[in-house]
Protein backbone atom coordinates (compact mmCIF):
# COMPACT_ATOMS: atom_id res chain seq x y z
CA MET A 1 19.47 -169.75 193.50
CA ALA A 2 17.23 -167.41 191.50
CA ASN A 3 19.61 -164.48 192.02
CA ARG A 4 22.50 -166.48 190.58
CA THR A 5 20.47 -167.42 187.53
CA ILE A 6 19.40 -163.81 186.97
CA LYS A 7 23.01 -162.62 187.30
CA LYS A 8 24.21 -165.22 184.81
CA ILE A 9 21.50 -164.33 182.30
CA THR A 10 22.24 -160.62 182.69
CA SER A 11 25.96 -161.21 182.18
CA VAL A 12 25.39 -163.29 179.05
CA LEU A 13 22.97 -160.74 177.58
CA SER A 14 25.37 -157.88 178.30
CA PHE A 15 28.17 -159.79 176.60
CA LEU A 16 25.99 -160.45 173.56
CA VAL A 17 25.04 -156.77 173.29
CA VAL A 18 28.72 -155.80 173.36
CA LEU A 19 29.46 -158.36 170.65
CA CYS A 20 26.65 -157.03 168.46
CA PHE A 21 27.99 -153.47 168.51
CA ALA A 22 31.70 -154.35 168.27
CA GLY A 23 31.51 -154.75 164.49
CA VAL A 24 30.06 -151.28 164.12
CA ALA A 25 32.76 -149.79 166.32
CA PHE A 26 35.57 -151.19 164.18
CA ALA A 27 33.90 -150.70 160.80
CA GLN A 28 35.95 -148.95 158.14
CA GLU A 29 34.54 -145.61 157.01
CA SER A 30 34.38 -144.81 153.32
CA GLY A 31 33.21 -141.24 153.82
CA LYS A 32 32.18 -139.21 156.82
CA GLU A 33 28.73 -138.24 155.53
CA MET A 34 28.01 -141.74 154.34
CA ALA A 35 29.14 -143.30 157.63
CA ILE A 36 27.01 -140.97 159.72
CA ALA A 37 23.99 -141.50 157.51
CA SER A 38 24.34 -145.27 157.59
CA ASN A 39 24.97 -145.40 161.35
CA SER A 40 22.39 -142.83 162.49
CA GLY A 41 19.95 -145.51 163.61
CA LEU A 42 22.67 -147.32 165.54
CA ILE A 43 23.76 -144.07 167.18
CA ALA A 44 20.19 -143.45 168.34
CA ILE A 45 19.90 -147.00 169.68
CA ALA A 46 23.25 -146.68 171.47
CA ALA A 47 22.15 -143.41 173.08
CA ALA A 48 18.88 -144.98 174.21
CA PHE A 49 20.57 -148.08 175.62
CA GLY A 50 23.26 -146.07 177.36
CA LEU A 51 20.80 -143.72 178.97
CA SER A 52 18.46 -146.50 180.06
CA ILE A 53 21.28 -148.53 181.60
CA ALA A 54 22.61 -145.44 183.39
CA ALA A 55 19.14 -144.59 184.73
CA LEU A 56 18.61 -148.17 185.91
CA GLY A 57 22.01 -148.31 187.60
CA GLY A 58 21.52 -144.91 189.21
CA ALA A 59 18.09 -145.85 190.51
CA LEU A 60 19.36 -149.12 191.96
CA GLY A 61 22.34 -147.37 193.55
CA GLN A 62 20.22 -144.61 195.05
CA GLY A 63 17.69 -147.09 196.37
CA ARG A 64 20.35 -149.21 198.00
CA ALA A 65 22.12 -146.18 199.51
CA ALA A 66 18.90 -144.80 200.93
CA ALA A 67 17.80 -148.18 202.28
CA THR A 68 21.14 -148.74 203.99
CA ALA A 69 21.16 -145.24 205.47
CA LEU A 70 17.62 -145.60 206.77
CA ASP A 71 18.48 -149.01 208.22
CA GLY A 72 21.42 -147.44 210.05
CA ILE A 73 19.26 -144.60 211.34
CA ALA A 74 16.60 -147.08 212.49
CA ARG A 75 19.19 -149.09 214.42
CA ASN A 76 20.82 -146.03 215.99
CA PRO A 77 18.65 -142.89 215.87
CA GLY A 78 21.38 -140.88 217.59
CA ALA A 79 23.63 -141.26 214.55
CA ALA A 80 21.08 -139.78 212.14
CA ASP A 81 23.01 -136.53 211.71
CA LYS A 82 26.27 -138.39 211.00
CA ILE A 83 24.59 -140.63 208.42
CA ARG A 84 22.44 -138.06 206.62
CA GLY A 85 25.30 -135.90 205.26
CA PRO A 86 27.33 -138.65 203.58
CA MET A 87 24.10 -140.20 202.26
CA ILE A 88 23.07 -136.96 200.54
CA LEU A 89 26.58 -136.57 199.11
CA ALA A 90 26.49 -140.14 197.79
CA LEU A 91 23.06 -139.59 196.22
CA ALA A 92 24.29 -136.41 194.53
CA LEU A 93 27.34 -138.21 193.11
CA ILE A 94 25.20 -141.08 191.82
CA GLU A 95 22.80 -138.62 190.20
CA SER A 96 25.70 -136.73 188.61
CA LEU A 97 26.77 -139.92 186.82
CA VAL A 98 23.28 -140.34 185.39
CA ILE A 99 23.29 -136.71 184.22
CA TYR A 100 26.69 -137.32 182.61
CA ALA A 101 25.16 -140.25 180.69
CA LEU A 102 22.34 -137.94 179.58
CA ILE A 103 24.88 -135.43 178.24
CA VAL A 104 26.73 -138.18 176.37
CA ALA A 105 23.42 -139.35 174.87
CA PHE A 106 22.66 -135.81 173.70
CA LEU A 107 26.13 -135.54 172.15
CA LEU A 108 25.58 -138.81 170.32
CA LEU A 109 22.19 -137.66 169.06
CA GLY A 110 23.81 -134.43 167.87
CA LYS A 111 25.89 -136.47 165.42
CA ILE A 112 22.79 -137.68 163.57
């Protein structure tokens, strides 16, 4: 019951965050310098939110992948070699997505 409530609250908050930034995304620019100067704070906030969400998602994904792999190894120790390789590959791919979010955040901060 508590998980459902948390999921609903998270969904509603995510929707509200998207609604808050939608007006900025479709705002009409009067001049490039003026638009960047007026939106520099929002760009910094967007970079911070994007990076924090990516780090949270990556950490949850890595934790779940490692827990599942260790559970499989604990149930069948003979399959440890078959489980370890795909687990490391999955962890590397998850981490690459977080690094991609870091690069996007740096690119956004470079526009300030």
